[in-house]
Amino acid sequence: MSLKESISQQLIAATKAKDVVRINTMRMLRAGIKNREVDLQAELEDKEILSVIRRQVKQHKESIRHYKEGGREDLVKKEEQELAILMSFMPEQLSEEAIAKIVSQVIKELDAKDMRDIGGVMKKLMAELAGSADGKLVSEIVRSQLSS
């Protein structure tokens, strides 16, 4: 079953269960997918749908941070619930140790010596780890390994 079909089925299930948060999240996700399809003038594959989900996850994390700064715990809770639903579509996230191990391998592979090589290392890593690791965390690990 494709990711798009899974999202549609979850929307139907949420509607039957009258789960308002899940309904709204699924509708927002389907709208994001549809907008991207209109932009590209083609139907999205699972890989491209994951990038739409990743973008929405990033937006929710930013919103949570801003709402916490503003003292809006009610909105933080709502965003966290929606984020949990979106994360259920993402592949399993790698641990920090697993990411560090992969970073070390790529640095050796590319024979990266210092911070000037960070662009090439990040490019290869993000292609390899797409969806299974947070880019910010990967960047921090790369920086720490290249600076030592």
C-alpha atoms as a PDB file:
ATOM      1  CA  MET A   1       0.000   0.000   0.000  1.00  0.00           C
ATOM      2  CA  SER A   2       1.348   3.404  -0.921  1.00  0.00           C
ATOM      3  CA  LEU A   3       1.803   6.165   1.612  1.00  0.00           C
ATOM      4  CA  LYS A   4      -0.917   8.217  -0.073  1.00  0.00           C
ATOM      5  CA  GLU A   5      -3.421   5.354   0.279  1.00  0.00           C
ATOM      6  CA  SER A   6      -2.435   4.879   3.915  1.00  0.00           C
ATOM      7  CA  ILE A   7      -3.065   8.574   4.619  1.00  0.00           C
ATOM      8  CA  SER A   8      -6.508   8.364   2.967  1.00  0.00           C
ATOM      9  CA  GLN A   9      -7.413   5.264   4.970  1.00  0.00           C
ATOM     10  CA  GLN A  10      -6.334   6.901   8.212  1.00  0.00           C
ATOM     11  CA  LEU A  11      -8.461   9.940   7.376  1.00  0.00           C
ATOM     12  CA  ILE A  12     -11.473   7.679   6.836  1.00  0.00           C
ATOM     13  CA  ALA A  13     -10.800   5.828  10.106  1.00  0.00           C
ATOM     14  CA  ALA A  14     -10.364   9.114  11.998  1.00  0.00           C
ATOM     15  CA  THR A  15     -13.619  10.432  10.547  1.00  0.00           C
ATOM     16  CA  LYS A  16     -15.485   7.322  11.668  1.00  0.00           C
ATOM     17  CA  ALA A  17     -13.916   7.591  15.126  1.00  0.00           C
ATOM     18  CA  LYS A  18     -14.651  11.334  15.240  1.00  0.00           C
ATOM     19  CA  ASP A  19     -11.003  12.012  16.188  1.00  0.00           C
ATOM     20  CA  VAL A  20     -10.895  15.743  15.441  1.00  0.00           C
ATOM     21  CA  VAL A  21      -7.122  16.201  15.877  1.00  0.00           C
ATOM     22  CA  ARG A  22      -6.319  13.274  13.565  1.00  0.00           C
ATOM     23  CA  ILE A  23      -8.926  14.429  11.012  1.00  0.00           C
ATOM     24  CA  ASN A  24      -7.447  17.933  10.902  1.00  0.00           C
ATOM     25  CA  THR A  25      -3.886  16.616  10.690  1.00  0.00           C
ATOM     26  CA  MET A  26      -4.715  14.183   7.870  1.00  0.00           C
ATOM     27  CA  ARG A  27      -6.576  16.880   5.946  1.00  0.00           C
ATOM     28  CA  MET A  28      -3.668  19.293   6.358  1.00  0.00           C
ATOM     29  CA  LEU A  29      -1.275  16.594   5.162  1.00  0.00           C
ATOM     30  CA  ARG A  30      -3.422  15.711   2.148  1.00  0.00           C
ATOM     31  CA  ALA A  31      -3.658  19.407   1.264  1.00  0.00           C
ATOM     32  CA  GLY A  32       0.127  19.728   1.453  1.00  0.00           C
ATOM     33  CA  ILE A  33       0.527  16.704  -0.816  1.00  0.00           C
ATOM     34  CA  LYS A  34      -2.053  18.030  -3.258  1.00  0.00           C
ATOM     35  CA  ASN A  35      -0.367  21.463  -3.359  1.00  0.00           C
ATOM     36  CA  ARG A  36       2.979  19.824  -4.112  1.00  0.00           C
ATOM     37  CA  GLU A  37       1.381  17.724  -6.869  1.00  0.00           C
ATOM     38  CA  VAL A  38      -0.104  20.854  -8.412  1.00  0.00           C
ATOM     39  CA  ASP A  39       3.293  22.588  -8.249  1.00  0.00           C
ATOM     40  CA  LEU A  40       5.048  19.653  -9.930  1.00  0.00           C
ATOM     41  CA  GLN A  41       2.097  18.802 -12.187  1.00  0.00           C
ATOM     42  CA  ALA A  42       2.608  15.126 -11.387  1.00  0.00           C
ATOM     43  CA  GLU A  43       1.476  12.578  -8.841  1.00  0.00           C
ATOM     44  CA  LEU A  44       3.905  12.215  -5.937  1.00  0.00           C
ATOM     45  CA  GLU A  45       5.685   8.992  -5.086  1.00  0.00           C
ATOM     46  CA  ASP A  46       6.257   7.858  -1.488  1.00  0.00           C
ATOM     47  CA  LYS A  47       9.726   9.450  -1.367  1.00  0.00           C
ATOM     48  CA  GLU A  48       8.301  12.854  -2.348  1.00  0.00           C
ATOM     49  CA  ILE A  49       5.368  12.458   0.058  1.00  0.00           C
ATOM     50  CA  LEU A  50       7.900  11.856   2.843  1.00  0.00           C
ATOM     51  CA  SER A  51       9.549  15.165   1.989  1.00  0.00           C
ATOM     52  CA  VAL A  52       6.155  16.901   2.359  1.00  0.00           C
ATOM     53  CA  ILE A  53       5.684  15.195   5.729  1.00  0.00           C
ATOM     54  CA  ARG A  54       9.226  16.182   6.773  1.00  0.00           C
ATOM     55  CA  ARG A  55       8.457  19.799   5.902  1.00  0.00           C
ATOM     56  CA  GLN A  56       5.287  19.728   8.012  1.00  0.00           C
ATOM     57  CA  VAL A  57       7.139  18.071  10.911  1.00  0.00           C
ATOM     58  CA  LYS A  58       9.709  20.854  10.781  1.00  0.00           C
ATOM     59  CA  GLN A  59       6.950  23.489  10.780  1.00  0.00           C
ATOM     60  CA  HIS A  60       5.279  21.869  13.798  1.00  0.00           C
ATOM     61  CA  LYS A  61       8.556  21.756  15.732  1.00  0.00           C
ATOM     62  CA  GLU A  62       9.096  25.472  15.025  1.00  0.00           C
ATOM     63  CA  SER A  63       5.526  26.259  16.102  1.00  0.00           C
ATOM     64  CA  ILE A  64       5.997  24.313  19.330  1.00  0.00           C
ATOM     65  CA  ARG A  65       9.183  26.259  20.086  1.00  0.00           C
ATOM     66  CA  HIS A  66       7.462  29.611  19.424  1.00  0.00           C
ATOM     67  CA  TYR A  67       4.373  28.711  21.446  1.00  0.00           C
ATOM     68  CA  LYS A  68       6.535  27.623  24.393  1.00  0.00           C
ATOM     69  CA  GLU A  69       8.377  30.942  24.263  1.00  0.00           C
ATOM     70  CA  GLY A  70       5.022  32.722  24.210  1.00  0.00           C
ATOM     71  CA  GLY A  71       3.638  30.696  27.121  1.00  0.00           C
ATOM     72  CA  ARG A  72       0.824  29.169  25.058  1.00  0.00           C
ATOM     73  CA  GLU A  73       0.696  25.665  26.558  1.00  0.00           C
ATOM     74  CA  ASP A  74      -2.722  24.988  25.018  1.00  0.00           C
ATOM     75  CA  LEU A  75      -1.319  25.453  21.513  1.00  0.00           C
ATOM     76  CA  VAL A  76       1.854  23.535  22.405  1.00  0.00           C
ATOM     77  CA  LYS A  77      -0.259  20.518  23.357  1.00  0.00           C
ATOM     78  CA  LYS A  78      -2.255  20.682  20.106  1.00  0.00           C
ATOM     79  CA  GLU A  79       0.915  20.978  17.983  1.00  0.00           C
ATOM     80  CA  GLU A  80       2.549  18.083  19.834  1.00  0.00           C
ATOM     81  CA  GLN A  81      -0.472  15.860  19.169  1.00  0.00           C
ATOM     82  CA  GLU A  82      -0.373  16.718  15.462  1.00  0.00           C
ATOM     83  CA  LEU A  83       3.403  16.194  15.399  1.00  0.00           C
ATOM     84  CA  ALA A  84       3.004  12.699  16.885  1.00  0.00           C
ATOM     85  CA  ILE A  85       0.516  11.814  14.140  1.00  0.00           C
ATOM     86  CA  LEU A  86       2.869  13.086  11.418  1.00  0.00           C
ATOM     87  CA  MET A  87       5.831  11.250  12.949  1.00  0.00           C
ATOM     88  CA  SER A  88       3.919   7.977  12.668  1.00  0.00           C
ATOM     89  CA  PHE A  89       4.406   8.232   8.875  1.00  0.00           C
ATOM     90  CA  MET A  90       8.142   8.849   9.118  1.00  0.00           C
ATOM     91  CA  PRO A  91      10.676   6.034   8.993  1.00  0.00           C
ATOM     92  CA  GLU A  92      12.262   4.971  12.284  1.00  0.00           C
ATOM     93  CA  GLN A  93      14.641   7.675  13.505  1.00  0.00           C
ATOM     94  CA  LEU A  94      18.264   6.656  14.039  1.00  0.00           C
ATOM     95  CA  SER A  95      19.893   7.074  17.436  1.00  0.00           C
ATOM     96  CA  GLU A  96      22.629   9.639  17.974  1.00  0.00           C
ATOM     97  CA  GLU A  97      25.215   6.837  18.250  1.00  0.00           C
ATOM     98  CA  ALA A  98      24.110   5.270  14.951  1.00  0.00           C
ATOM     99  CA  ILE A  99      24.276   8.655  13.224  1.00  0.00           C
ATOM    100  CA  ALA A 100      27.760   9.295  14.642  1.00  0.00           C
ATOM    101  CA  LYS A 101      28.939   5.934  13.304  1.00  0.00           C
ATOM    102  CA  ILE A 102      27.594   6.695   9.804  1.00  0.00           C
ATOM    103  CA  VAL A 103      29.130  10.186   9.927  1.00  0.00           C
ATOM    104  CA  SER A 104      32.524   8.679  10.772  1.00  0.00           C
ATOM    105  CA  GLN A 105      32.268   6.277   7.841  1.00  0.00           C
ATOM    106  CA  VAL A 106      31.351   9.038   5.387  1.00  0.00           C
ATOM    107  CA  ILE A 107      34.154  11.291   6.647  1.00  0.00           C
ATOM    108  CA  LYS A 108      36.650   8.455   6.081  1.00  0.00           C
ATOM    109  CA  GLU A 109      35.101   7.649   2.676  1.00  0.00           C
ATOM    110  CA  LEU A 110      35.387  11.229   1.475  1.00  0.00           C
ATOM    111  CA  ASP A 111      38.733  11.747   3.223  1.00  0.00           C
ATOM    112  CA  ALA A 112      37.358  14.915   4.871  1.00  0.00           C
ATOM    113  CA  LYS A 113      39.933  16.663   7.024  1.00  0.00           C
ATOM    114  CA  ASP A 114      38.441  19.882   8.353  1.00  0.00           C
ATOM    115  CA  MET A 115      35.440  22.218   8.312  1.00  0.00           C
ATOM    116  CA  ARG A 116      36.051  23.174   4.666  1.00  0.00           C
ATOM    117  CA  ASP A 117      34.827  19.699   3.686  1.00  0.00           C
ATOM    118  CA  ILE A 118      31.511  19.969   5.552  1.00  0.00           C
ATOM    119  CA  GLY A 119      29.456  20.686   2.406  1.00  0.00           C
ATOM    120  CA  GLY A 120      30.393  17.457   0.649  1.00  0.00           C
ATOM    121  CA  VAL A 121      29.988  15.407   3.804  1.00  0.00           C
ATOM    122  CA  MET A 122      26.538  16.853   4.553  1.00  0.00           C
ATOM    123  CA  LYS A 123      25.383  16.377   0.960  1.00  0.00           C
ATOM    124  CA  LYS A 124      26.269  12.680   1.006  1.00  0.00           C
ATOM    125  CA  LEU A 125      24.897  12.143   4.512  1.00  0.00           C
ATOM    126  CA  MET A 126      21.554  13.818   3.895  1.00  0.00           C
ATOM    127  CA  ALA A 127      21.045  11.746   0.739  1.00  0.00           C
ATOM    128  CA  GLU A 128      21.861   8.620   2.742  1.00  0.00           C
ATOM    129  CA  LEU A 129      19.922   9.497   5.906  1.00  0.00           C
ATOM    130  CA  ALA A 130      16.930  11.261   4.350  1.00  0.00           C
ATOM    131  CA  GLY A 131      13.959  10.910   6.669  1.00  0.00           C
ATOM    132  CA  SER A 132      15.727   8.736   9.228  1.00  0.00           C
ATOM    133  CA  ALA A 133      17.710  11.496  10.948  1.00  0.00           C
ATOM    134  CA  ASP A 134      17.176  15.145  11.830  1.00  0.00           C
ATOM    135  CA  GLY A 135      19.381  17.369   9.660  1.00  0.00           C
ATOM    136  CA  LYS A 136      20.231  19.667  12.559  1.00  0.00           C
ATOM    137  CA  LEU A 137      21.489  16.752  14.664  1.00  0.00           C
ATOM    138  CA  VAL A 138      23.497  15.364  11.732  1.00  0.00           C
ATOM    139  CA  SER A 139      25.070  18.789  11.192  1.00  0.00           C
ATOM    140  CA  GLU A 140      26.048  19.060  14.878  1.00  0.00           C
ATOM    141  CA  ILE A 141      27.671  15.615  14.807  1.00  0.00           C
ATOM    142  CA  VAL A 142      29.549  16.374  11.571  1.00  0.00           C
ATOM    143  CA  ARG A 143      30.812  19.669  12.990  1.00  0.00           C
ATOM    144  CA  SER A 144      32.014  18.029  16.201  1.00  0.00           C
ATOM    145  CA  GLN A 145      33.798  15.227  14.328  1.00  0.00           C
ATOM    146  CA  LEU A 146      35.432  17.515  11.768  1.00  0.00           C
ATOM    147  CA  SER A 147      36.594  20.020  14.379  1.00  0.00           C
ATOM    148  CA  SER A 148      38.315  17.365  16.522  1.00  0.00           C
END
